[in-house]
């Protein structure tokens, strides 16, 4: 599918800074430390990926950044504003596209829902913005369809259009490509990079897929086994634009991927946890 790139005003992504974030959960009289003293900075307009073993607290950390759950300690800043435990101008893109779209709304209504409830726009202006983003993801012709009438990849395109139509300063992605087939995933990777190049929003991606992290991101942060701590931050070092076939074959891509895999496969009792 050929994507159309309309002329749009870039969204200026803001920096994200997290300071000393820890999160403890209590259950059945006990406690579990999920994330421990995480400090991390994301530059304005940067694409940062976070990887780590299953259960290390990646999604918990992302939800704290989004203001969806409060940290036990620590603070989150968007630009210079302290947004700890309060939703800011960030949009969270979920893994389960089929559960994030509203099934009783068609594609156009789903996309407009992301901004019409908080912005004073006329119906025509709201529709124009909606169709601008549907055009960007190649779904203009499907504006009147309902989610259940679309393929999984098309549903996730709707979710991406809805997220970007809100024109966030930062986009938080919680494994949004893991529920689609391999070819659709590559197509969505290319779409996401195309949109990010146009809009330059700040992006933070949580993923289990090291190849995905290296392909999309400028830098990759590595979390340890639970409790999640930052044990490494690796520069992807790959030129842009990135292409699904040739980039994955680039020796630099392979070297960074192998470095990250070696770090992730380090045994918990042998892990060196430096101060960040």
Protein backbone atom coordinates (compact mmCIF):
# COMPACT_ATOMS: atom_id res chain seq x y z
CA UNK A 1 0.00 0.00 0.00
CA UNK A 2 1.47 3.35 -1.02
CA UNK A 3 1.18 5.99 1.67
CA UNK A 4 0.33 9.58 0.87
CA UNK A 5 2.28 12.23 2.74
CA UNK A 6 0.21 15.42 3.09
CA UNK A 7 1.73 18.76 4.03
CA UNK A 8 1.27 19.13 7.79
CA UNK A 9 2.67 21.22 10.60
CA UNK A 10 5.23 19.18 12.59
CA UNK A 11 4.46 18.35 16.18
CA UNK A 12 7.36 19.39 18.38
CA UNK A 13 8.02 16.53 20.77
CA UNK A 14 8.95 17.42 24.33
CA UNK A 15 11.59 15.82 26.50
CA UNK A 16 10.67 13.18 29.07
CA UNK A 17 12.69 12.89 32.25
CA UNK A 18 12.13 10.32 34.97
CA UNK A 19 13.95 10.63 38.27
CA UNK A 20 14.32 7.80 40.78
CA UNK A 21 11.15 5.96 39.78
CA UNK A 22 10.32 2.93 41.93
CA UNK A 23 7.10 0.94 42.13
CA UNK A 24 6.07 -1.56 44.79
CA UNK A 25 2.88 -3.63 44.53
CA UNK A 26 1.15 -5.11 47.57
CA UNK A 27 -0.91 -8.29 47.43
CA UNK A 28 -2.10 -10.88 49.97
CA UNK A 29 -0.07 -9.35 52.75
CA UNK A 30 3.17 -9.27 50.75
CA UNK A 31 4.96 -6.77 48.56
CA UNK A 32 6.77 -6.95 45.24
CA UNK A 33 9.27 -4.39 44.01
CA UNK A 34 8.59 -4.15 40.27
CA UNK A 35 10.74 -1.16 39.26
CA UNK A 36 13.66 0.14 41.30
CA UNK A 37 15.20 3.63 41.18
CA UNK A 38 14.98 4.14 37.41
CA UNK A 39 16.39 7.38 36.02
CA UNK A 40 16.13 8.07 32.31
CA UNK A 41 15.97 11.03 29.95
CA UNK A 42 14.40 11.09 26.48
CA UNK A 43 15.38 13.97 24.23
CA UNK A 44 12.73 16.04 22.39
CA UNK A 45 11.78 14.24 19.19
CA UNK A 46 13.85 11.16 20.09
CA UNK A 47 12.67 7.58 19.47
CA UNK A 48 13.68 5.52 22.51
CA UNK A 49 13.03 1.80 22.94
CA UNK A 50 12.97 -0.09 26.24
CA UNK A 51 13.73 -3.82 26.28
CA UNK A 52 14.11 -6.33 29.07
CA UNK A 53 13.18 -9.83 30.23
CA UNK A 54 9.54 -10.76 30.63
CA UNK A 55 8.14 -9.49 33.92
CA UNK A 56 10.91 -6.93 34.50
CA UNK A 57 8.53 -3.97 34.76
CA UNK A 58 8.72 -2.45 31.26
CA UNK A 59 4.99 -1.87 30.91
CA UNK A 60 4.74 -0.74 34.53
CA UNK A 61 7.39 1.90 33.85
CA UNK A 62 5.58 3.05 30.70
CA UNK A 63 2.27 3.32 32.57
CA UNK A 64 3.97 5.42 35.24
CA UNK A 65 5.36 7.74 32.56
CA UNK A 66 1.85 8.04 31.11
CA UNK A 67 0.35 8.91 34.48
CA UNK A 68 -1.88 5.82 34.41
CA UNK A 69 -0.48 4.52 37.71
CA UNK A 70 1.42 6.44 40.40
CA UNK A 71 5.01 5.56 41.32
CA UNK A 72 5.84 4.58 44.87
CA UNK A 73 8.66 7.11 44.67
CA UNK A 74 10.25 9.34 42.07
CA UNK A 75 9.04 11.94 39.58
CA UNK A 76 8.19 12.24 35.88
CA UNK A 77 8.66 15.42 33.85
CA UNK A 78 7.33 16.31 30.40
CA UNK A 79 9.46 19.21 29.31
CA UNK A 80 9.83 21.31 32.46
CA UNK A 81 6.46 20.30 33.94
CA UNK A 82 6.16 17.74 36.71
CA UNK A 83 3.48 15.31 35.46
CA UNK A 84 3.95 12.59 38.06
CA UNK A 85 0.75 10.56 38.45
CA UNK A 86 -1.27 12.91 36.27
CA UNK A 87 -2.02 12.29 32.59
CA UNK A 88 -0.20 14.87 30.47
CA UNK A 89 -0.16 15.61 26.75
CA UNK A 90 1.01 12.06 26.00
CA UNK A 91 -0.85 9.31 24.16
CA UNK A 92 -0.59 5.62 25.06
CA UNK A 93 -0.82 3.11 22.19
CA UNK A 94 -1.87 -0.31 23.49
CA UNK A 95 -0.84 -3.77 22.35
CA UNK A 96 -4.40 -5.07 21.87
CA UNK A 97 -5.78 -2.97 19.01
CA UNK A 98 -9.05 -4.92 19.03
CA UNK A 99 -9.66 -3.82 22.63
CA UNK A 100 -8.50 -0.22 22.25
CA UNK A 101 -10.89 0.72 19.41
CA UNK A 102 -14.52 1.41 20.28
CA UNK A 103 -16.55 -1.20 18.35
CA UNK A 104 -19.75 0.88 18.20
CA UNK A 105 -17.91 3.72 16.45
CA UNK A 106 -16.77 3.67 12.85
CA UNK A 107 -13.19 4.52 11.84
CA UNK A 108 -13.84 8.26 11.50
CA UNK A 109 -15.60 8.43 14.87
CA UNK A 110 -12.81 6.46 16.58
CA UNK A 111 -10.15 8.84 15.30
CA UNK A 112 -12.10 12.00 16.14
CA UNK A 113 -12.81 10.69 19.65
CA UNK A 114 -9.14 11.27 20.53
CA UNK A 115 -9.38 15.06 20.31
CA UNK A 116 -12.96 16.35 19.96
CA UNK A 117 -13.74 15.89 23.67
CA UNK A 118 -10.95 18.29 24.70
CA UNK A 119 -10.71 20.75 21.82
CA UNK A 120 -13.22 23.30 20.64
CA UNK A 121 -13.33 22.42 16.95
CA UNK A 122 -16.15 22.72 14.47
CA UNK A 123 -17.43 19.48 12.99
CA UNK A 124 -15.85 20.31 9.65
CA UNK A 125 -12.47 21.13 11.24
CA UNK A 126 -12.55 17.93 13.28
CA UNK A 127 -13.42 15.90 10.19
CA UNK A 128 -10.64 17.56 8.21
CA UNK A 129 -8.08 16.66 10.86
CA UNK A 130 -9.40 13.12 11.07
CA UNK A 131 -9.13 12.60 7.31
CA UNK A 132 -5.63 14.12 7.28
CA UNK A 133 -4.41 11.35 9.58
CA UNK A 134 -6.43 8.62 7.88
CA UNK A 135 -4.77 9.70 4.64
CA UNK A 136 -1.38 9.38 6.31
CA UNK A 137 -2.07 5.75 7.27
CA UNK A 138 -3.72 4.90 3.95
CA UNK A 139 -7.26 4.39 5.26
CA UNK A 140 -9.25 7.32 3.86
CA UNK A 141 -11.48 4.99 1.85
CA UNK A 142 -12.39 3.07 5.03
CA UNK A 143 -13.57 6.02 7.14
CA UNK A 144 -17.12 4.69 7.44
CA UNK A 145 -16.13 1.08 8.27
CA UNK A 146 -16.41 -0.37 11.75
CA UNK A 147 -13.36 -1.97 13.43
CA UNK A 148 -14.74 -5.48 13.10
CA UNK A 149 -14.86 -5.02 9.32
CA UNK A 150 -11.10 -4.43 9.11
CA UNK A 151 -8.06 -6.70 9.27
CA UNK A 152 -5.81 -6.64 12.33
CA UNK A 153 -3.21 -4.54 10.59
CA UNK A 154 -5.83 -2.04 9.44
CA UNK A 155 -7.25 -1.81 12.95
CA UNK A 156 -3.82 -0.98 14.30
CA UNK A 157 -3.44 1.69 11.60
CA UNK A 158 -6.69 3.21 12.89
CA UNK A 159 -5.28 3.14 16.42
CA UNK A 160 -2.10 4.86 15.20
CA UNK A 161 -4.10 7.51 13.32
CA UNK A 162 -6.23 8.11 16.41
CA UNK A 163 -3.14 8.47 18.60
CA UNK A 164 -1.45 10.97 16.30
CA UNK A 165 -4.65 12.93 15.59
CA UNK A 166 -4.56 13.93 19.26
CA UNK A 167 -1.28 15.66 18.33
CA UNK A 168 0.61 14.56 21.46
CA UNK A 169 3.99 15.83 22.59
CA UNK A 170 4.95 12.22 23.27
CA UNK A 171 3.70 8.86 22.02
CA UNK A 172 4.05 5.87 24.37
CA UNK A 173 3.92 2.48 22.65
CA UNK A 174 3.32 -0.69 24.66
CA UNK A 175 4.26 -3.54 22.28
CA UNK A 176 1.77 -2.26 19.68
CA UNK A 177 3.02 -4.51 16.87
CA UNK A 178 3.22 -7.83 18.72
CA UNK A 179 -0.33 -8.96 17.92
CA UNK A 180 -0.02 -8.86 14.12
CA UNK A 181 1.66 -11.23 11.67
CA UNK A 182 5.31 -10.78 10.65
CA UNK A 183 4.68 -9.08 7.29
CA UNK A 184 2.10 -6.69 8.74
CA UNK A 185 4.55 -5.88 11.53
CA UNK A 186 7.21 -4.85 9.01
CA UNK A 187 4.64 -2.71 7.20
CA UNK A 188 3.63 -1.02 10.47
CA UNK A 189 7.28 -0.43 11.36
CA UNK A 190 7.77 1.42 8.08
CA UNK A 191 4.55 3.38 8.68
CA UNK A 192 5.56 4.37 12.20
CA UNK A 193 8.97 5.61 11.06
CA UNK A 194 7.36 7.55 8.21
CA UNK A 195 4.95 9.27 10.61
CA UNK A 196 7.67 9.93 13.18
CA UNK A 197 9.89 11.48 10.49
CA UNK A 198 7.06 13.81 9.45
CA UNK A 199 5.87 14.78 12.92
CA UNK A 200 8.95 14.42 15.14
CA UNK A 201 6.97 13.55 18.24
CA UNK A 202 8.90 12.03 21.12
CA UNK A 203 8.38 8.24 21.14
CA UNK A 204 8.99 5.65 23.85
CA UNK A 205 8.51 2.03 22.77
CA UNK A 206 8.35 -0.98 25.09
CA UNK A 207 9.05 -4.23 23.26
CA UNK A 208 10.31 -7.80 23.71
CA UNK A 209 11.60 -7.76 20.13
CA UNK A 210 15.24 -6.67 20.00
CA UNK A 211 15.21 -6.42 16.19
CA UNK A 212 12.19 -4.11 16.40
CA UNK A 213 13.92 -1.94 19.00
CA UNK A 214 17.09 -1.50 16.93
CA UNK A 215 15.16 -0.90 13.70
CA UNK A 216 12.91 1.83 15.13
CA UNK A 217 14.87 3.56 17.86
CA UNK A 218 17.68 6.07 18.20
CA UNK A 219 18.68 4.53 21.54
CA UNK A 220 17.70 1.35 23.39
CA UNK A 221 17.46 1.20 27.19
CA UNK A 222 17.89 -2.24 28.77
CA UNK A 223 16.10 -3.21 31.98
CA UNK A 224 17.37 -5.95 34.29
CA UNK A 225 15.36 -8.85 35.65
CA UNK A 226 12.80 -7.80 38.25
CA UNK A 227 13.04 -5.43 39.93
CA UNK A 228 13.62 -3.51 36.72
CA UNK A 229 16.71 -1.31 36.76
CA UNK A 230 18.49 0.38 33.86
CA UNK A 231 21.59 -1.72 33.15
CA UNK A 232 22.56 -0.29 29.76
CA UNK A 233 21.65 2.33 27.20
CA UNK A 234 22.80 1.51 23.67
CA UNK A 235 22.96 3.86 20.71
CA UNK A 236 21.34 2.10 17.74
CA UNK A 237 23.84 3.84 15.49
CA UNK A 238 21.85 3.20 12.33
CA UNK A 239 21.43 5.84 9.60
CA UNK A 240 17.98 6.92 8.50
CA UNK A 241 15.89 6.26 6.51
CA UNK A 242 15.72 2.60 7.52
CA UNK A 243 14.37 -0.05 5.18
CA UNK A 244 12.82 -3.37 6.24
CA UNK A 245 15.15 -5.59 4.17
CA UNK A 246 18.48 -3.80 3.82
CA UNK A 247 18.65 -2.32 7.33
CA UNK A 248 18.21 -5.75 8.94
CA UNK A 249 21.16 -7.00 6.89
CA UNK A 250 23.46 -4.11 7.76
CA UNK A 251 26.49 -5.24 9.81
CA UNK A 252 25.91 -2.34 12.21
CA UNK A 253 22.34 -3.53 12.84
CA UNK A 254 23.56 -7.07 13.51
CA UNK A 255 26.29 -5.85 15.86
CA UNK A 256 23.90 -3.77 18.00
CA UNK A 257 21.29 -6.54 18.05
CA UNK A 258 23.90 -9.06 19.23
CA UNK A 259 25.15 -6.65 21.90
CA UNK A 260 21.62 -6.22 23.26
CA UNK A 261 20.87 -9.95 23.17
CA UNK A 262 24.07 -10.70 25.08
CA UNK A 263 23.07 -8.15 27.71
CA UNK A 264 19.55 -9.54 28.01
CA UNK A 265 20.79 -13.12 28.35
CA UNK A 266 23.08 -12.25 31.25
CA UNK A 267 22.12 -14.24 34.34
CA UNK A 268 20.43 -12.14 37.06
CA UNK A 269 23.04 -12.97 39.70
CA UNK A 270 25.84 -11.91 37.36
CA UNK A 271 24.26 -8.68 36.18
CA UNK A 272 26.25 -5.54 36.74
CA UNK A 273 23.85 -2.75 37.64
CA UNK A 274 25.59 0.60 37.18
CA UNK A 275 24.28 3.90 38.49
CA UNK A 276 22.54 5.92 35.77
